[in-house]
Amino acid sequence: MLELLDAKLETSVTRAAALLRAGELVAFPTDTVYGLAAAANQPDAITQLYIVKNRPPEKAIPILLADPQDLGTVVAEISDLVRELTAHLWPGGLTLILPKSPSVPKEVSATATVAVRIPDLPLTRQIIAAAGTPLAVTSANRSGQPSPRTPDKVISQLGERIAAVVDGGRCPGGVPSTVLDCTTAPPRVLRVGAVPVETLLEFTSLA
């Protein structure tokens, strides 16, 4: 049965984290849209995430972190540019494509890279921290459908196919993150979103 957890209650963060550690799928608000999460260290849970969303298997799933210090657990190399970008633009709407650590399951990304972000919403970071592991998170919708900004929209699309929804009300953002591929020189913008290109140009030239 789907659990609806009130974000105002501290016990909801604890419960969401426990479900994630148990290999369940949990939806919660981020600074952009509602995300659907699985523990990034549990391949079976990530596989289930693909099934629930009807997501094409070739589409990698981004990883959300609670703290920049956790970046080294999921990426193989952190350049000076990446350190500067994360110092100034995380938490926030910037997803970085980086070389993948061998510890990241192929279910997250079948390629040599991984997408990583720290969301600018305390509730999201609290859930990730409480789970004790980075989370594989993608928008909480069926593939091809609109990304939800409210818990009702999550439930209407995913319903009983997931374990819980953390009800944090309407997401403050609604604009997806900007995606920057830092494995090329110079970096390449793959998607323009919450962080303007002009802001990125303050730190680096772009392809």
Protein backbone atom coordinates (compact mmCIF):
# COMPACT_ATOMS: atom_id res chain seq x y z
CA MET A 1 0.00 0.00 0.00
CA LEU A 2 1.28 3.46 -0.91
CA GLU A 3 2.36 5.51 2.11
CA LEU A 4 1.75 9.26 2.04
CA LEU A 5 4.32 10.89 4.34
CA ASP A 6 3.92 14.45 5.63
CA ALA A 7 7.15 16.38 5.03
CA LYS A 8 6.45 18.53 8.09
CA LEU A 9 7.00 15.51 10.35
CA GLU A 10 10.57 14.49 11.20
CA THR A 11 9.44 10.88 11.28
CA SER A 12 8.63 11.10 7.56
CA VAL A 13 12.29 11.65 6.68
CA THR A 14 13.25 8.67 8.85
CA ARG A 15 10.57 6.48 7.26
CA ALA A 16 11.47 7.48 3.71
CA ALA A 17 15.13 6.72 4.39
CA ALA A 18 14.27 3.32 5.88
CA LEU A 19 12.21 2.40 2.83
CA LEU A 20 15.03 3.41 0.50
CA ARG A 21 17.55 1.34 2.46
CA ALA A 22 15.14 -1.59 2.20
CA GLY A 23 15.22 -1.37 -1.60
CA GLU A 24 11.89 0.42 -2.06
CA LEU A 25 11.10 3.35 -4.37
CA VAL A 26 10.16 6.68 -2.78
CA ALA A 27 9.02 9.94 -4.38
CA PHE A 28 9.80 13.30 -2.79
CA PRO A 29 10.06 16.97 -3.75
CA THR A 30 13.27 18.51 -5.01
CA ASP A 31 14.10 22.10 -5.91
CA THR A 32 12.95 21.42 -9.48
CA VAL A 33 10.21 18.73 -9.64
CA TYR A 34 9.18 15.66 -7.65
CA GLY A 35 11.76 12.92 -7.99
CA LEU A 36 11.49 9.14 -7.77
CA ALA A 37 14.41 7.64 -5.88
CA ALA A 38 16.17 4.34 -5.34
CA ALA A 39 19.31 3.72 -3.32
CA ALA A 40 22.23 4.07 -5.75
CA ASN A 41 23.98 1.06 -4.21
CA GLN A 42 21.05 -1.31 -4.85
CA PRO A 43 20.94 -2.49 -8.49
CA ASP A 44 17.64 -4.35 -8.08
CA ALA A 45 15.90 -1.22 -6.79
CA ILE A 46 17.27 0.81 -9.69
CA THR A 47 16.05 -1.82 -12.16
CA GLN A 48 12.60 -1.54 -10.57
CA LEU A 49 12.75 2.24 -11.01
CA TYR A 50 13.17 1.75 -14.77
CA ILE A 51 10.22 -0.65 -14.83
CA VAL A 52 7.90 1.61 -12.83
CA LYS A 53 8.63 4.63 -15.03
CA ASN A 54 8.67 2.59 -18.25
CA ARG A 55 12.01 4.31 -18.80
CA PRO A 56 14.20 3.21 -21.73
CA PRO A 57 17.13 1.20 -20.31
CA GLU A 58 19.71 3.20 -22.26
CA LYS A 59 18.77 6.40 -20.40
CA ALA A 60 21.08 6.77 -17.40
CA ILE A 61 19.66 7.94 -14.07
CA PRO A 62 21.20 10.94 -12.27
CA ILE A 63 22.58 10.61 -8.76
CA LEU A 64 21.65 13.11 -6.04
CA LEU A 65 24.02 13.78 -3.14
CA ALA A 66 23.48 15.43 0.22
CA ASP A 67 26.94 16.98 0.52
CA PRO A 68 29.76 17.92 -1.91
CA GLN A 69 32.12 15.79 0.17
CA ASP A 70 30.23 12.73 -1.10
CA LEU A 71 31.18 13.42 -4.72
CA GLY A 72 34.24 11.18 -4.52
CA THR A 73 32.06 8.18 -3.72
CA VAL A 74 30.44 8.20 -7.17
CA VAL A 75 32.97 9.80 -9.54
CA ALA A 76 36.45 8.66 -10.51
CA GLU A 77 38.05 12.08 -10.98
CA ILE A 78 37.34 15.59 -9.69
CA SER A 79 39.01 18.38 -11.68
CA ASP A 80 39.78 21.87 -10.44
CA LEU A 81 36.95 23.19 -12.64
CA VAL A 82 34.48 20.78 -11.08
CA ARG A 83 35.59 21.82 -7.61
CA GLU A 84 35.00 25.46 -8.54
CA LEU A 85 31.60 24.80 -10.09
CA THR A 86 30.39 22.79 -7.13
CA ALA A 87 31.73 25.34 -4.63
CA HIS A 88 29.75 28.15 -6.25
CA LEU A 89 26.69 26.48 -7.83
CA TRP A 90 25.85 23.59 -5.48
CA PRO A 91 23.38 23.09 -4.02
CA GLY A 92 21.41 24.16 -7.05
CA GLY A 93 20.03 23.37 -10.47
CA LEU A 94 23.26 22.21 -12.10
CA THR A 95 23.82 18.57 -13.06
CA LEU A 96 27.39 17.62 -13.92
CA ILE A 97 28.36 14.72 -16.19
CA LEU A 98 31.56 13.24 -14.74
CA PRO A 99 33.72 10.10 -15.03
CA LYS A 100 31.95 7.29 -13.20
CA SER A 101 33.46 5.52 -10.20
CA PRO A 102 33.67 1.71 -10.52
CA SER A 103 31.45 1.55 -7.43
CA VAL A 104 28.46 2.94 -9.36
CA PRO A 105 26.26 0.07 -10.63
CA LYS A 106 25.78 -0.29 -14.37
CA GLU A 107 22.04 -0.02 -13.71
CA VAL A 108 22.60 3.68 -12.89
CA SER A 109 24.67 4.26 -16.02
CA ALA A 110 25.89 1.73 -18.55
CA THR A 111 28.47 4.22 -19.85
CA ALA A 112 31.73 5.51 -18.37
CA THR A 113 30.02 8.64 -17.02
CA VAL A 114 27.49 9.55 -14.36
CA ALA A 115 25.24 12.58 -13.85
CA VAL A 116 25.48 14.13 -10.37
CA ARG A 117 23.74 16.99 -8.54
CA ILE A 118 23.06 18.37 -5.07
CA PRO A 119 19.49 19.74 -4.88
CA ASP A 120 18.80 23.15 -3.34
CA LEU A 121 16.04 21.94 -1.03
CA PRO A 122 16.85 21.03 2.60
CA LEU A 123 14.17 18.32 2.77
CA THR A 124 15.70 16.47 -0.19
CA ARG A 125 19.18 16.61 1.30
CA GLN A 126 17.84 15.43 4.66
CA ILE A 127 16.30 12.33 3.05
CA ILE A 128 19.52 11.54 1.16
CA ALA A 129 21.64 11.99 4.28
CA ALA A 130 19.27 9.85 6.35
CA ALA A 131 19.36 7.10 3.73
CA GLY A 132 23.13 6.96 4.18
CA THR A 133 23.83 6.52 0.48
CA PRO A 134 23.63 8.59 -2.70
CA LEU A 135 20.28 8.17 -4.42
CA ALA A 136 19.48 7.45 -8.05
CA VAL A 137 16.72 9.96 -8.76
CA THR A 138 14.69 10.78 -11.83
CA SER A 139 11.44 12.70 -12.25
CA ALA A 140 8.47 10.95 -10.61
CA ASN A 141 6.43 10.42 -13.76
CA ARG A 142 5.85 7.80 -16.40
CA SER A 143 8.31 8.32 -19.25
CA GLY A 144 6.96 10.79 -21.79
CA GLN A 145 4.50 12.33 -19.33
CA PRO A 146 4.85 15.78 -17.66
CA SER A 147 7.22 16.02 -14.71
CA PRO A 148 5.10 16.47 -11.56
CA ARG A 149 5.38 19.44 -9.19
CA THR A 150 2.77 18.21 -6.69
CA PRO A 151 2.25 14.91 -4.83
CA ASP A 152 -1.18 14.46 -6.42
CA LYS A 153 0.41 14.40 -9.87
CA VAL A 154 2.91 11.78 -8.68
CA ILE A 155 0.17 9.56 -7.32
CA SER A 156 -1.96 9.91 -10.46
CA GLN A 157 0.94 8.65 -12.62
CA LEU A 158 2.67 6.11 -10.37
CA GLY A 159 0.12 5.28 -7.65
CA GLU A 160 0.58 1.92 -5.96
CA ARG A 161 3.65 1.07 -8.03
CA ILE A 162 5.91 2.82 -5.49
CA ALA A 163 6.26 2.51 -1.71
CA ALA A 164 5.76 6.10 -0.58
CA VAL A 165 5.38 9.76 -1.50
CA VAL A 166 6.75 12.46 0.78
CA ASP A 167 4.20 15.26 0.59
CA GLY A 168 6.13 18.53 0.62
CA GLY A 169 3.50 20.51 -1.25
CA ARG A 170 4.23 22.16 -4.56
CA CYS A 171 7.87 22.13 -5.71
CA PRO A 172 9.38 25.61 -5.74
CA GLY A 173 11.17 25.28 -9.07
CA GLY A 174 9.46 23.55 -11.96
CA VAL A 175 12.45 24.14 -14.27
CA PRO A 176 14.77 21.13 -14.77
CA SER A 177 18.44 21.43 -13.98
CA THR A 178 21.04 22.60 -16.48
CA VAL A 179 23.20 19.66 -17.58
CA LEU A 180 26.92 20.27 -18.19
CA ASP A 181 29.19 17.57 -19.59
CA CYS A 182 32.54 18.03 -17.86
CA THR A 183 34.18 15.06 -19.59
CA THR A 184 34.92 17.16 -22.67
CA ALA A 185 37.31 20.08 -23.06
CA PRO A 186 35.85 22.63 -23.02
CA PRO A 187 32.69 21.44 -21.21
CA ARG A 188 29.50 21.13 -23.23
CA VAL A 189 25.98 22.16 -22.21
CA LEU A 190 23.60 19.25 -22.89
CA ARG A 191 20.48 20.94 -21.53
CA VAL A 192 19.76 24.54 -20.62
CA GLY A 193 17.71 24.78 -17.44
CA ALA A 194 17.76 26.35 -13.99
CA VAL A 195 21.36 27.66 -14.22
CA PRO A 196 21.80 30.11 -17.13
CA VAL A 197 24.59 29.59 -19.64
CA GLU A 198 25.83 33.09 -18.77
CA THR A 199 26.50 31.90 -15.23
CA LEU A 200 28.53 28.94 -16.48
CA LEU A 201 30.60 31.24 -18.69
CA GLU A 202 31.80 32.99 -15.54
CA PHE A 203 33.77 29.84 -14.73
CA THR A 204 34.73 28.29 -18.07
CA SER A 205 34.45 28.51 -21.85
CA LEU A 206 31.92 26.16 -23.42
CA ALA A 207 31.91 23.93 -26.46
